[in-house]
């Protein structure tokens, strides 16, 4: 879903509109897009999604389960169906949607899926959601500056990395577009580029630690 290389627009812009994505969105809705491989999904992911939903007053949060992280070996990634099932177990809050839209659109890059969803649902106020650990490496994502200019971005605090992420290349480059803490509720209504850092309690679970624990048990 993410990283290096020049951004591109999806070919045949009319074709995605015929796809069935399994959810309906109406103009004026405030919708968070939460992407990742979720390999596996865990409570930390749920914490990020729920924090963004509550703090930004979102109508929906769509978990976009990536077909494959381009920076990780395919062998380390579980099957899509398994990862989606795990995400459903974690996305317990109301109005959480688990989606394989990236696979259906035929893309694994964030910039492509954002543009596709914006074209499919005009008038919906999309916000990209990420943990602070993702902000730290955001400058490695494919088309990351275009992402910042396509939709507002919400960054949720995560253990150990939150301070470092606030001084990351992305945070520094777009520093003047950061929304003050007292105004974060307005983020979905703002024109991109606009981003906010959402502070809150930490959840210490991580996919890397869970995979390592599973290997030891295996």
N, C-alpha and C. Protein backbone atom coordinates (compact mmCIF):
# COMPACT_ATOMS: atom_id res chain seq x y z
N UNK A 1 0.82 -1.20 0.00
CA UNK A 1 0.00 0.00 0.00
C UNK A 1 0.85 1.23 0.00
N UNK A 2 2.12 1.19 -0.05
CA UNK A 2 2.76 2.40 0.38
C UNK A 2 3.80 3.04 -0.51
N UNK A 3 4.90 2.42 -0.77
CA UNK A 3 6.15 3.14 -0.75
C UNK A 3 6.75 3.50 -2.10
N UNK A 4 8.06 3.67 -2.10
CA UNK A 4 8.87 4.42 -3.04
C UNK A 4 8.50 4.31 -4.50
N UNK A 5 8.87 5.37 -5.24
CA UNK A 5 8.63 5.41 -6.67
C UNK A 5 7.66 6.51 -7.02
N UNK A 6 7.60 6.89 -8.29
CA UNK A 6 6.73 7.99 -8.71
C UNK A 6 5.27 7.60 -8.64
N UNK A 7 4.43 8.56 -8.30
CA UNK A 7 2.99 8.30 -8.21
C UNK A 7 2.41 8.21 -9.61
N UNK A 8 1.28 7.51 -9.73
CA UNK A 8 0.59 7.43 -11.00
C UNK A 8 -0.90 7.41 -10.75
N UNK A 9 -1.66 7.77 -11.76
CA UNK A 9 -3.11 7.64 -11.67
C UNK A 9 -3.51 6.28 -12.26
N UNK A 10 -4.59 5.71 -11.73
CA UNK A 10 -5.04 4.43 -12.25
C UNK A 10 -5.50 4.57 -13.69
N UNK A 11 -5.17 3.60 -14.54
CA UNK A 11 -5.69 3.63 -15.91
C UNK A 11 -7.17 3.33 -15.93
N UNK A 12 -7.83 3.74 -17.02
CA UNK A 12 -9.24 3.44 -17.22
C UNK A 12 -10.08 3.89 -16.04
N UNK A 13 -10.15 5.21 -15.86
CA UNK A 13 -10.79 5.78 -14.67
C UNK A 13 -12.26 5.38 -14.55
N UNK A 14 -12.91 5.00 -15.67
CA UNK A 14 -14.32 4.64 -15.58
C UNK A 14 -14.55 3.27 -14.99
N UNK A 15 -13.59 2.36 -15.11
CA UNK A 15 -13.79 0.98 -14.71
C UNK A 15 -14.03 0.80 -13.22
N UNK A 16 -13.31 1.51 -12.29
CA UNK A 16 -13.53 1.27 -10.87
C UNK A 16 -14.95 1.51 -10.39
N UNK A 17 -15.70 2.38 -11.11
CA UNK A 17 -17.04 2.70 -10.65
C UNK A 17 -17.97 1.49 -10.71
N UNK A 18 -17.65 0.48 -11.51
CA UNK A 18 -18.50 -0.70 -11.63
C UNK A 18 -18.21 -1.72 -10.53
N UNK A 19 -17.15 -1.51 -9.77
CA UNK A 19 -16.79 -2.45 -8.73
C UNK A 19 -17.76 -2.39 -7.56
N UNK A 20 -17.94 -3.53 -6.91
CA UNK A 20 -18.72 -3.57 -5.68
C UNK A 20 -17.76 -3.63 -4.51
N UNK A 21 -17.78 -2.61 -3.68
CA UNK A 21 -16.83 -2.51 -2.58
C UNK A 21 -17.41 -2.96 -1.25
N UNK A 22 -18.73 -3.17 -1.18
CA UNK A 22 -19.31 -3.68 0.05
C UNK A 22 -19.68 -2.62 1.07
N UNK A 23 -19.62 -1.35 0.68
CA UNK A 23 -20.04 -0.28 1.60
C UNK A 23 -20.57 0.89 0.79
N UNK A 24 -21.43 1.68 1.44
CA UNK A 24 -22.00 2.88 0.81
C UNK A 24 -21.60 4.09 1.60
N UNK A 25 -21.26 5.14 0.89
CA UNK A 25 -20.91 6.41 1.52
C UNK A 25 -21.72 7.51 0.85
N UNK A 26 -22.15 8.48 1.65
CA UNK A 26 -22.96 9.57 1.14
C UNK A 26 -22.19 10.88 1.21
N UNK A 27 -22.45 11.82 0.28
CA UNK A 27 -21.80 13.13 0.33
C UNK A 27 -21.99 13.79 1.70
N UNK A 28 -20.93 14.40 2.18
CA UNK A 28 -20.97 15.07 3.49
C UNK A 28 -20.47 14.20 4.63
N UNK A 29 -20.40 12.88 4.41
CA UNK A 29 -19.86 12.00 5.46
C UNK A 29 -18.40 12.31 5.73
N UNK A 30 -18.02 12.13 6.99
CA UNK A 30 -16.63 12.24 7.41
C UNK A 30 -16.09 10.82 7.58
N UNK A 31 -15.15 10.43 6.72
CA UNK A 31 -14.74 9.04 6.65
C UNK A 31 -13.22 8.91 6.77
N UNK A 32 -12.79 8.10 7.73
CA UNK A 32 -11.38 7.82 7.90
C UNK A 32 -10.96 6.63 7.07
N UNK A 33 -9.80 6.72 6.43
CA UNK A 33 -9.20 5.62 5.67
C UNK A 33 -7.97 5.15 6.43
N UNK A 34 -8.00 3.92 6.89
CA UNK A 34 -6.94 3.37 7.73
C UNK A 34 -6.33 2.18 7.01
N UNK A 35 -5.18 2.39 6.39
CA UNK A 35 -4.57 1.36 5.57
C UNK A 35 -3.44 0.63 6.27
N UNK A 36 -3.22 -0.61 5.85
CA UNK A 36 -2.12 -1.38 6.40
C UNK A 36 -2.20 -2.83 5.97
N UNK A 37 -1.14 -3.56 6.24
CA UNK A 37 -1.16 -5.00 5.94
C UNK A 37 -1.87 -5.78 7.04
N UNK A 38 -1.89 -5.21 8.28
CA UNK A 38 -2.57 -5.87 9.40
C UNK A 38 -2.13 -7.32 9.50
N UNK A 39 -0.83 -7.49 9.69
CA UNK A 39 -0.20 -8.80 9.60
C UNK A 39 0.54 -9.19 10.89
N UNK A 40 -0.21 -9.52 11.96
CA UNK A 40 -1.68 -9.58 12.04
C UNK A 40 -2.25 -8.29 12.62
N UNK A 41 -3.59 -8.15 12.52
CA UNK A 41 -4.27 -7.05 13.20
C UNK A 41 -4.22 -7.26 14.70
N UNK A 42 -4.17 -6.17 15.47
CA UNK A 42 -4.08 -6.28 16.93
C UNK A 42 -4.74 -5.08 17.59
N UNK A 43 -4.73 -5.06 18.91
CA UNK A 43 -5.41 -4.01 19.67
C UNK A 43 -4.84 -2.62 19.39
N UNK A 44 -3.55 -2.55 19.04
CA UNK A 44 -2.95 -1.26 18.70
C UNK A 44 -3.60 -0.65 17.47
N UNK A 45 -3.93 -1.49 16.49
CA UNK A 45 -4.64 -0.99 15.31
C UNK A 45 -6.02 -0.46 15.69
N UNK A 46 -6.72 -1.23 16.49
CA UNK A 46 -8.05 -0.80 16.93
C UNK A 46 -7.97 0.51 17.69
N UNK A 47 -6.92 0.66 18.51
CA UNK A 47 -6.73 1.89 19.27
C UNK A 47 -6.56 3.09 18.34
N UNK A 48 -5.75 2.93 17.29
CA UNK A 48 -5.55 4.02 16.33
C UNK A 48 -6.86 4.38 15.65
N UNK A 49 -7.59 3.37 15.15
CA UNK A 49 -8.84 3.63 14.45
C UNK A 49 -9.88 4.27 15.36
N UNK A 50 -10.01 3.76 16.56
CA UNK A 50 -11.02 4.28 17.49
C UNK A 50 -10.68 5.69 17.97
N UNK A 51 -9.38 5.94 18.18
CA UNK A 51 -8.96 7.28 18.60
C UNK A 51 -9.30 8.30 17.53
N UNK A 52 -8.97 7.99 16.28
CA UNK A 52 -9.27 8.90 15.18
C UNK A 52 -10.77 9.11 15.02
N UNK A 53 -11.53 8.05 15.12
CA UNK A 53 -12.99 8.17 14.96
C UNK A 53 -13.58 9.09 16.02
N UNK A 54 -13.13 8.90 17.26
CA UNK A 54 -13.66 9.70 18.37
C UNK A 54 -13.21 11.15 18.30
N UNK A 55 -11.92 11.37 18.09
CA UNK A 55 -11.37 12.72 18.14
C UNK A 55 -11.77 13.57 16.94
N UNK A 56 -12.03 12.93 15.80
CA UNK A 56 -12.39 13.67 14.58
C UNK A 56 -13.88 13.61 14.28
N UNK A 57 -14.64 12.92 15.12
CA UNK A 57 -16.08 12.78 14.93
C UNK A 57 -16.39 12.20 13.55
N UNK A 58 -15.78 11.07 13.24
CA UNK A 58 -15.95 10.44 11.94
C UNK A 58 -17.21 9.60 11.90
N UNK A 59 -17.84 9.54 10.74
CA UNK A 59 -19.01 8.69 10.55
C UNK A 59 -18.63 7.23 10.31
N UNK A 60 -17.51 7.01 9.65
CA UNK A 60 -17.01 5.67 9.36
C UNK A 60 -15.49 5.67 9.42
N UNK A 61 -14.94 4.49 9.70
CA UNK A 61 -13.51 4.25 9.49
C UNK A 61 -13.40 2.99 8.65
N UNK A 62 -12.76 3.11 7.50
CA UNK A 62 -12.59 1.96 6.61
C UNK A 62 -11.17 1.43 6.76
N UNK A 63 -11.05 0.19 7.22
CA UNK A 63 -9.75 -0.48 7.31
C UNK A 63 -9.44 -1.04 5.92
N UNK A 64 -8.45 -0.49 5.26
CA UNK A 64 -8.06 -0.93 3.93
C UNK A 64 -6.94 -1.96 4.07
N UNK A 65 -7.30 -3.22 3.96
CA UNK A 65 -6.32 -4.30 4.16
C UNK A 65 -5.55 -4.49 2.86
N UNK A 66 -4.25 -4.19 2.92
CA UNK A 66 -3.41 -4.20 1.74
C UNK A 66 -3.14 -5.62 1.24
N UNK A 67 -3.10 -5.82 -0.08
CA UNK A 67 -2.75 -7.15 -0.60
C UNK A 67 -1.31 -7.54 -0.26
N UNK A 68 -0.39 -6.54 -0.22
CA UNK A 68 1.01 -6.83 0.09
C UNK A 68 1.75 -5.53 0.33
N UNK A 69 2.53 -5.48 1.40
CA UNK A 69 3.40 -4.34 1.69
C UNK A 69 4.62 -4.44 0.78
N UNK A 70 4.86 -3.47 -0.12
CA UNK A 70 5.97 -3.58 -1.07
C UNK A 70 7.35 -3.64 -0.42
N UNK A 71 7.47 -3.24 0.83
CA UNK A 71 8.78 -3.25 1.49
C UNK A 71 9.03 -4.50 2.31
N UNK A 72 8.07 -5.43 2.31
CA UNK A 72 8.25 -6.64 3.11
C UNK A 72 8.16 -7.88 2.22
N UNK A 73 8.95 -8.90 2.54
CA UNK A 73 8.92 -10.12 1.73
C UNK A 73 7.53 -10.75 1.74
N UNK A 74 7.12 -11.23 0.59
CA UNK A 74 5.81 -11.87 0.47
C UNK A 74 5.66 -13.03 1.45
N UNK A 75 6.76 -13.73 1.69
CA UNK A 75 6.70 -14.90 2.58
C UNK A 75 6.32 -14.54 4.01
N UNK A 76 6.54 -13.29 4.41
CA UNK A 76 6.22 -12.87 5.77
C UNK A 76 4.77 -12.44 5.93
N UNK A 77 4.05 -12.34 4.82
CA UNK A 77 2.69 -11.82 4.86
C UNK A 77 1.68 -12.95 4.75
N UNK A 78 0.76 -13.01 5.71
CA UNK A 78 -0.29 -14.03 5.68
C UNK A 78 -1.26 -13.77 4.52
N UNK A 79 -2.06 -14.76 4.20
CA UNK A 79 -3.04 -14.61 3.13
C UNK A 79 -4.02 -13.47 3.46
N UNK A 80 -4.50 -12.80 2.41
CA UNK A 80 -5.39 -11.67 2.58
C UNK A 80 -6.63 -12.03 3.40
N UNK A 81 -7.25 -13.17 3.10
CA UNK A 81 -8.46 -13.58 3.81
C UNK A 81 -8.19 -13.73 5.31
N UNK A 82 -7.03 -14.26 5.66
CA UNK A 82 -6.67 -14.43 7.07
C UNK A 82 -6.48 -13.09 7.75
N UNK A 83 -5.84 -12.16 7.07
CA UNK A 83 -5.61 -10.84 7.67
C UNK A 83 -6.91 -10.04 7.79
N UNK A 84 -7.80 -10.20 6.82
CA UNK A 84 -9.10 -9.53 6.91
C UNK A 84 -9.92 -10.09 8.05
N UNK A 85 -9.88 -11.40 8.24
CA UNK A 85 -10.60 -12.01 9.36
C UNK A 85 -10.08 -11.50 10.68
N UNK A 86 -8.75 -11.36 10.79
CA UNK A 86 -8.16 -10.83 12.01
C UNK A 86 -8.56 -9.39 12.25
N UNK A 87 -8.63 -8.60 11.18
CA UNK A 87 -9.04 -7.20 11.32
C UNK A 87 -10.49 -7.11 11.80
N UNK A 88 -11.35 -7.99 11.30
CA UNK A 88 -12.75 -7.97 11.74
C UNK A 88 -12.87 -8.25 13.23
N UNK A 89 -12.02 -9.10 13.76
CA UNK A 89 -12.05 -9.39 15.19
C UNK A 89 -11.66 -8.18 16.02
N UNK A 90 -10.79 -7.32 15.46
CA UNK A 90 -10.31 -6.16 16.20
C UNK A 90 -11.22 -4.94 16.02
N UNK A 91 -11.88 -4.83 14.88
CA UNK A 91 -12.69 -3.65 14.57
C UNK A 91 -14.08 -3.80 15.17
N UNK A 92 -14.14 -3.73 16.48
CA UNK A 92 -15.40 -4.02 17.19
C UNK A 92 -16.29 -2.79 17.33
N UNK A 93 -15.71 -1.60 17.21
CA UNK A 93 -16.50 -0.38 17.41
C UNK A 93 -17.51 -0.21 16.27
N UNK A 94 -18.62 0.45 16.55
CA UNK A 94 -19.61 0.70 15.51
C UNK A 94 -19.02 1.50 14.35
N UNK A 95 -19.52 1.24 13.16
CA UNK A 95 -19.14 1.98 11.95
C UNK A 95 -17.70 1.76 11.53
N UNK A 96 -17.13 0.64 11.91
CA UNK A 96 -15.83 0.21 11.37
C UNK A 96 -16.09 -0.74 10.20
N UNK A 97 -15.42 -0.53 9.08
CA UNK A 97 -15.61 -1.32 7.87
C UNK A 97 -14.29 -1.96 7.49
N UNK A 98 -14.29 -3.26 7.26
CA UNK A 98 -13.09 -3.96 6.80
C UNK A 98 -13.23 -4.15 5.29
N UNK A 99 -12.23 -3.72 4.53
CA UNK A 99 -12.35 -3.72 3.08
C UNK A 99 -11.08 -4.22 2.39
N UNK A 100 -11.29 -4.92 1.28
CA UNK A 100 -10.20 -5.30 0.39
C UNK A 100 -10.25 -4.45 -0.89
N UNK A 101 -10.63 -3.19 -0.73
CA UNK A 101 -10.81 -2.30 -1.89
C UNK A 101 -9.55 -2.19 -2.74
N UNK A 102 -8.38 -2.24 -2.12
CA UNK A 102 -7.15 -2.14 -2.90
C UNK A 102 -7.02 -3.30 -3.88
N UNK A 103 -7.34 -4.49 -3.40
CA UNK A 103 -7.29 -5.66 -4.28
C UNK A 103 -8.32 -5.52 -5.39
N UNK A 104 -9.49 -5.05 -5.06
CA UNK A 104 -10.55 -4.90 -6.06
C UNK A 104 -10.21 -3.85 -7.11
N UNK A 105 -9.54 -2.76 -6.67
CA UNK A 105 -9.11 -1.73 -7.60
C UNK A 105 -7.84 -2.13 -8.35
N UNK A 106 -7.15 -3.16 -7.86
CA UNK A 106 -5.93 -3.60 -8.52
C UNK A 106 -4.74 -2.72 -8.22
N UNK A 107 -4.67 -2.20 -6.99
CA UNK A 107 -3.56 -1.32 -6.61
C UNK A 107 -3.09 -1.67 -5.21
N UNK A 108 -1.80 -1.43 -4.93
CA UNK A 108 -1.29 -1.63 -3.58
C UNK A 108 -0.67 -0.34 -3.03
N UNK A 109 -0.95 0.79 -3.71
CA UNK A 109 -0.36 2.06 -3.27
C UNK A 109 -1.43 3.01 -2.76
N UNK A 110 -1.12 3.65 -1.66
CA UNK A 110 -2.06 4.55 -1.00
C UNK A 110 -2.55 5.66 -1.92
N UNK A 111 -1.64 6.28 -2.65
CA UNK A 111 -2.04 7.40 -3.50
C UNK A 111 -3.09 6.98 -4.52
N UNK A 112 -2.97 5.77 -5.05
CA UNK A 112 -3.94 5.29 -6.04
C UNK A 112 -5.30 5.03 -5.42
N UNK A 113 -5.33 4.39 -4.26
CA UNK A 113 -6.61 4.06 -3.64
C UNK A 113 -7.34 5.31 -3.17
N UNK A 114 -6.59 6.30 -2.67
CA UNK A 114 -7.21 7.56 -2.26
C UNK A 114 -7.87 8.23 -3.45
N UNK A 115 -7.15 8.33 -4.55
CA UNK A 115 -7.71 8.98 -5.74
C UNK A 115 -8.92 8.22 -6.27
N UNK A 116 -8.86 6.90 -6.22
CA UNK A 116 -9.98 6.09 -6.71
C UNK A 116 -11.22 6.29 -5.85
N UNK A 117 -11.05 6.32 -4.54
CA UNK A 117 -12.19 6.49 -3.64
C UNK A 117 -12.75 7.90 -3.73
N UNK A 118 -11.90 8.89 -3.89
CA UNK A 118 -12.39 10.26 -4.05
C UNK A 118 -13.21 10.39 -5.33
N UNK A 119 -12.78 9.73 -6.40
CA UNK A 119 -13.52 9.79 -7.66
C UNK A 119 -14.85 9.05 -7.55
N UNK A 120 -14.86 7.95 -6.81
CA UNK A 120 -16.06 7.13 -6.67
C UNK A 120 -17.09 7.78 -5.74
N UNK A 121 -16.61 8.50 -4.72
CA UNK A 121 -17.50 9.08 -3.72
C UNK A 121 -17.28 10.59 -3.61
N UNK A 122 -17.68 11.34 -4.62
CA UNK A 122 -17.52 12.80 -4.55
C UNK A 122 -18.34 13.38 -3.40
N UNK A 123 -17.76 14.34 -2.74
CA UNK A 123 -18.47 14.99 -1.63
C UNK A 123 -18.21 14.36 -0.28
N UNK A 124 -17.61 13.18 -0.23
CA UNK A 124 -17.25 12.55 1.04
C UNK A 124 -15.96 13.20 1.56
N UNK A 125 -15.92 13.47 2.84
CA UNK A 125 -14.76 14.11 3.45
C UNK A 125 -13.83 13.04 4.01
N UNK A 126 -12.87 12.64 3.18
CA UNK A 126 -11.94 11.59 3.56
C UNK A 126 -10.78 12.14 4.38
N UNK A 127 -10.32 11.34 5.35
CA UNK A 127 -9.13 11.62 6.13
C UNK A 127 -8.27 10.36 6.15
N UNK A 128 -6.99 10.49 5.85
CA UNK A 128 -6.10 9.34 5.96
C UNK A 128 -5.63 9.21 7.40
N UNK A 129 -5.70 8.00 7.96
CA UNK A 129 -5.33 7.74 9.36
C UNK A 129 -4.07 6.89 9.39
N UNK A 130 -3.14 7.25 10.25
CA UNK A 130 -1.95 6.43 10.43
C UNK A 130 -1.46 6.55 11.87
N UNK A 131 -0.70 5.55 12.31
CA UNK A 131 -0.03 5.65 13.58
C UNK A 131 1.25 6.46 13.44
N UNK A 132 1.76 6.94 14.55
CA UNK A 132 2.98 7.75 14.51
C UNK A 132 4.16 6.98 13.95
N UNK A 133 4.16 5.65 14.10
CA UNK A 133 5.25 4.85 13.53
C UNK A 133 5.26 4.95 12.01
N UNK A 134 4.08 5.08 11.39
CA UNK A 134 4.02 5.24 9.94
C UNK A 134 4.48 6.63 9.50
N UNK A 135 4.19 7.65 10.30
CA UNK A 135 4.64 8.99 9.96
C UNK A 135 6.17 9.06 9.92
N UNK A 136 6.83 8.31 10.77
CA UNK A 136 8.29 8.33 10.83
C UNK A 136 8.91 7.88 9.51
N UNK A 137 8.23 6.98 8.79
CA UNK A 137 8.76 6.49 7.51
C UNK A 137 7.91 6.93 6.33
N UNK A 138 7.04 7.89 6.54
CA UNK A 138 6.09 8.31 5.51
C UNK A 138 6.79 8.80 4.24
N UNK A 139 7.97 9.41 4.39
CA UNK A 139 8.70 9.93 3.24
C UNK A 139 9.17 8.83 2.29
N UNK A 140 9.04 7.57 2.69
CA UNK A 140 9.41 6.44 1.83
C UNK A 140 8.21 5.92 1.04
N UNK A 141 7.02 6.40 1.37
CA UNK A 141 5.83 5.92 0.68
C UNK A 141 5.79 6.48 -0.74
N UNK A 142 5.24 5.71 -1.63
CA UNK A 142 5.08 6.15 -3.01
C UNK A 142 4.11 7.34 -3.07
N UNK A 143 4.58 8.45 -3.65
CA UNK A 143 3.71 9.62 -3.80
C UNK A 143 3.30 10.27 -2.50
N UNK A 144 4.19 10.27 -1.49
CA UNK A 144 3.79 10.75 -0.16
C UNK A 144 3.42 12.24 -0.15
N UNK A 145 4.09 13.06 -0.94
CA UNK A 145 3.73 14.48 -0.95
C UNK A 145 2.37 14.68 -1.62
N UNK A 146 2.07 13.84 -2.63
CA UNK A 146 0.75 13.92 -3.26
C UNK A 146 -0.34 13.48 -2.30
N UNK A 147 -0.06 12.47 -1.47
CA UNK A 147 -1.03 12.03 -0.47
C UNK A 147 -1.40 13.19 0.44
N UNK A 148 -0.39 13.91 0.90
CA UNK A 148 -0.64 15.04 1.80
C UNK A 148 -1.48 16.12 1.13
N UNK A 149 -1.40 16.20 -0.20
CA UNK A 149 -2.16 17.22 -0.92
C UNK A 149 -3.52 16.72 -1.39
N UNK A 150 -3.77 15.42 -1.24
CA UNK A 150 -5.06 14.86 -1.66
C UNK A 150 -6.10 14.88 -0.55
N UNK A 151 -5.68 14.52 0.67
CA UNK A 151 -6.62 14.43 1.80
C UNK A 151 -5.93 14.89 3.09
N UNK A 152 -6.70 15.37 4.05
CA UNK A 152 -6.12 15.62 5.37
C UNK A 152 -5.61 14.33 5.99
N UNK A 153 -4.63 14.43 6.86
CA UNK A 153 -4.00 13.26 7.46
C UNK A 153 -4.04 13.37 8.98
N UNK A 154 -4.48 12.30 9.64
CA UNK A 154 -4.50 12.24 11.11
C UNK A 154 -3.46 11.23 11.58
N UNK A 155 -2.59 11.65 12.48
CA UNK A 155 -1.53 10.80 13.02
C UNK A 155 -1.81 10.54 14.49
N UNK A 156 -1.94 9.28 14.86
CA UNK A 156 -2.26 8.91 16.24
C UNK A 156 -0.99 8.46 16.96
N UNK A 157 -0.79 8.96 18.16
CA UNK A 157 0.42 8.66 18.93
C UNK A 157 0.58 7.16 19.17
N UNK A 158 1.84 6.71 19.07
CA UNK A 158 2.19 5.31 19.30
C UNK A 158 3.43 5.26 20.19
N UNK A 159 3.62 4.16 20.95
CA UNK A 159 4.74 4.08 21.88
C UNK A 159 6.10 4.21 21.20
N UNK A 160 7.03 4.82 21.90
CA UNK A 160 8.45 4.89 21.55
C UNK A 160 8.75 5.77 20.34
N UNK A 161 7.83 5.92 19.42
CA UNK A 161 8.14 6.56 18.15
C UNK A 161 7.51 7.94 18.01
N UNK A 162 6.58 8.32 18.90
CA UNK A 162 5.81 9.54 18.70
C UNK A 162 6.69 10.78 18.60
N UNK A 163 7.68 10.90 19.50
CA UNK A 163 8.55 12.08 19.47
C UNK A 163 9.37 12.12 18.20
N UNK A 164 9.96 10.97 17.82
CA UNK A 164 10.77 10.90 16.61
C UNK A 164 9.94 11.24 15.38
N UNK A 165 8.71 10.77 15.33
CA UNK A 165 7.87 10.99 14.15
C UNK A 165 7.57 12.47 13.95
N UNK A 166 7.50 13.22 15.04
CA UNK A 166 7.18 14.65 14.93
C UNK A 166 8.33 15.44 14.33
N UNK A 167 9.50 14.82 14.22
CA UNK A 167 10.65 15.46 13.58
C UNK A 167 11.05 14.72 12.30
N UNK A 168 10.15 13.93 11.78
CA UNK A 168 10.40 13.17 10.55
C UNK A 168 10.42 14.11 9.35
N UNK A 169 10.97 13.66 8.21
CA UNK A 169 10.97 14.50 7.01
C UNK A 169 9.57 14.99 6.61
N UNK A 170 8.57 14.12 6.73
CA UNK A 170 7.22 14.53 6.35
C UNK A 170 6.68 15.60 7.29
N UNK A 171 6.89 15.41 8.59
CA UNK A 171 6.40 16.38 9.56
C UNK A 171 7.07 17.73 9.37
N UNK A 172 8.35 17.72 9.07
CA UNK A 172 9.07 18.98 8.88
C UNK A 172 8.67 19.66 7.58
N UNK A 173 8.54 18.89 6.51
CA UNK A 173 8.19 19.49 5.22
C UNK A 173 6.82 20.14 5.25
N UNK A 174 5.87 19.52 5.97
CA UNK A 174 4.50 20.04 6.02
C UNK A 174 4.18 20.68 7.38
N UNK A 175 5.20 21.18 8.05
CA UNK A 175 5.02 21.74 9.40
C UNK A 175 4.00 22.86 9.43
N UNK A 176 4.00 23.70 8.43
CA UNK A 176 3.10 24.87 8.47
C UNK A 176 1.63 24.49 8.24
N UNK A 177 1.39 23.24 7.85
CA UNK A 177 0.02 22.78 7.62
C UNK A 177 -0.53 21.98 8.79
N UNK A 178 0.24 21.89 9.86
CA UNK A 178 -0.22 21.13 11.02
C UNK A 178 -1.33 21.89 11.75
N UNK A 179 -2.40 21.19 12.06
CA UNK A 179 -3.57 21.78 12.71
C UNK A 179 -3.33 21.79 14.23
N UNK A 180 -3.55 22.92 14.90
CA UNK A 180 -3.37 22.97 16.36
C UNK A 180 -4.24 21.94 17.08
N UNK A 181 -3.75 21.48 18.21
CA UNK A 181 -4.46 20.44 18.98
C UNK A 181 -5.89 20.84 19.31
N UNK A 182 -6.11 22.13 19.58
CA UNK A 182 -7.44 22.59 19.95
C UNK A 182 -8.42 22.59 18.77
N UNK A 183 -7.92 22.40 17.56
CA UNK A 183 -8.77 22.49 16.37
C UNK A 183 -8.85 21.18 15.59
N UNK A 184 -8.42 20.06 16.19
CA UNK A 184 -8.34 18.82 15.41
C UNK A 184 -9.71 18.34 14.93
N UNK A 185 -10.78 18.69 15.62
CA UNK A 185 -12.11 18.26 15.20
C UNK A 185 -12.46 18.78 13.81
N UNK A 186 -11.81 19.88 13.42
CA UNK A 186 -12.10 20.48 12.12
C UNK A 186 -11.32 19.84 10.98
N UNK A 187 -10.44 18.90 11.27
CA UNK A 187 -9.56 18.34 10.24
C UNK A 187 -10.30 17.81 9.02
N UNK A 188 -11.38 17.01 9.18
CA UNK A 188 -12.05 16.49 7.98
C UNK A 188 -12.65 17.58 7.09
N UNK A 189 -12.92 18.75 7.66
CA UNK A 189 -13.53 19.84 6.90
C UNK A 189 -12.49 20.69 6.18
N UNK A 190 -11.22 20.47 6.46
CA UNK A 190 -10.17 21.32 5.90
C UNK A 190 -9.73 20.84 4.53
N UNK A 191 -9.23 21.77 3.75
CA UNK A 191 -8.67 21.45 2.45
C UNK A 191 -7.23 21.00 2.64
N UNK A 192 -6.86 19.90 1.97
CA UNK A 192 -5.48 19.42 2.04
C UNK A 192 -4.56 20.41 1.29
N UNK A 193 -3.30 20.51 1.77
CA UNK A 193 -2.69 19.75 2.86
C UNK A 193 -3.09 20.28 4.23
N UNK A 194 -3.38 19.35 5.11
CA UNK A 194 -3.67 19.64 6.52
C UNK A 194 -3.47 18.34 7.28
N UNK A 195 -2.80 18.42 8.42
CA UNK A 195 -2.60 17.20 9.19
C UNK A 195 -2.59 17.55 10.69
N UNK A 196 -2.88 16.54 11.50
CA UNK A 196 -2.94 16.75 12.94
C UNK A 196 -2.35 15.55 13.66
N UNK A 197 -1.76 15.83 14.80
CA UNK A 197 -1.23 14.77 15.66
C UNK A 197 -2.20 14.58 16.81
N UNK A 198 -2.72 13.37 16.95
CA UNK A 198 -3.72 13.07 17.98
C UNK A 198 -3.04 12.35 19.14
N UNK A 199 -2.92 13.03 20.25
CA UNK A 199 -2.28 12.44 21.42
C UNK A 199 -3.31 11.65 22.23
N UNK A 200 -2.86 10.60 22.88
CA UNK A 200 -3.73 9.80 23.72
C UNK A 200 -2.93 8.74 24.43
N UNK A 201 -3.65 7.84 25.10
CA UNK A 201 -2.96 6.76 25.79
C UNK A 201 -2.26 5.86 24.77
N UNK A 202 -1.21 5.20 25.20
CA UNK A 202 -0.47 4.31 24.32
C UNK A 202 -1.01 2.89 24.40
N UNK A 203 -0.98 2.20 23.26
CA UNK A 203 -1.20 0.76 23.23
C UNK A 203 0.08 0.14 22.71
N UNK A 204 0.64 -0.83 23.43
CA UNK A 204 1.99 -1.30 23.16
C UNK A 204 2.06 -2.52 22.25
N UNK A 205 0.92 -3.01 21.74
CA UNK A 205 0.98 -4.15 20.84
C UNK A 205 1.52 -3.74 19.48
N UNK A 206 2.22 -4.68 18.84
CA UNK A 206 2.73 -4.45 17.49
C UNK A 206 2.68 -5.75 16.70
N UNK A 207 2.51 -5.63 15.38
CA UNK A 207 2.46 -6.82 14.52
C UNK A 207 3.80 -7.54 14.51
N UNK A 208 4.90 -6.77 14.53
CA UNK A 208 6.23 -7.38 14.52
C UNK A 208 6.43 -8.27 15.74
N UNK A 209 6.05 -7.76 16.92
CA UNK A 209 6.20 -8.54 18.14
C UNK A 209 5.32 -9.78 18.13
N UNK A 210 4.11 -9.65 17.61
CA UNK A 210 3.20 -10.79 17.56
C UNK A 210 3.71 -11.87 16.61
N UNK A 211 4.28 -11.46 15.49
CA UNK A 211 4.83 -12.47 14.56
C UNK A 211 6.03 -13.18 15.18
N UNK A 212 6.89 -12.40 15.88
CA UNK A 212 8.06 -13.01 16.52
C UNK A 212 7.63 -14.00 17.59
N UNK A 213 6.59 -13.67 18.35
CA UNK A 213 6.09 -14.57 19.39
C UNK A 213 5.52 -15.84 18.77
N UNK A 214 4.82 -15.69 17.65
CA UNK A 214 4.26 -16.86 16.97
C UNK A 214 5.36 -17.79 16.46
N UNK A 215 6.48 -17.21 15.98
CA UNK A 215 7.60 -18.02 15.50
C UNK A 215 8.22 -18.82 16.63
N UNK A 216 8.36 -18.17 17.78
CA UNK A 216 8.96 -18.86 18.95
C UNK A 216 8.06 -20.02 19.38
N UNK A 217 6.77 -19.81 19.35
CA UNK A 217 5.85 -20.88 19.77
C UNK A 217 5.83 -22.00 18.73
N UNK A 218 6.05 -21.63 17.44
CA UNK A 218 6.01 -22.63 16.40
C UNK A 218 7.25 -23.48 16.37
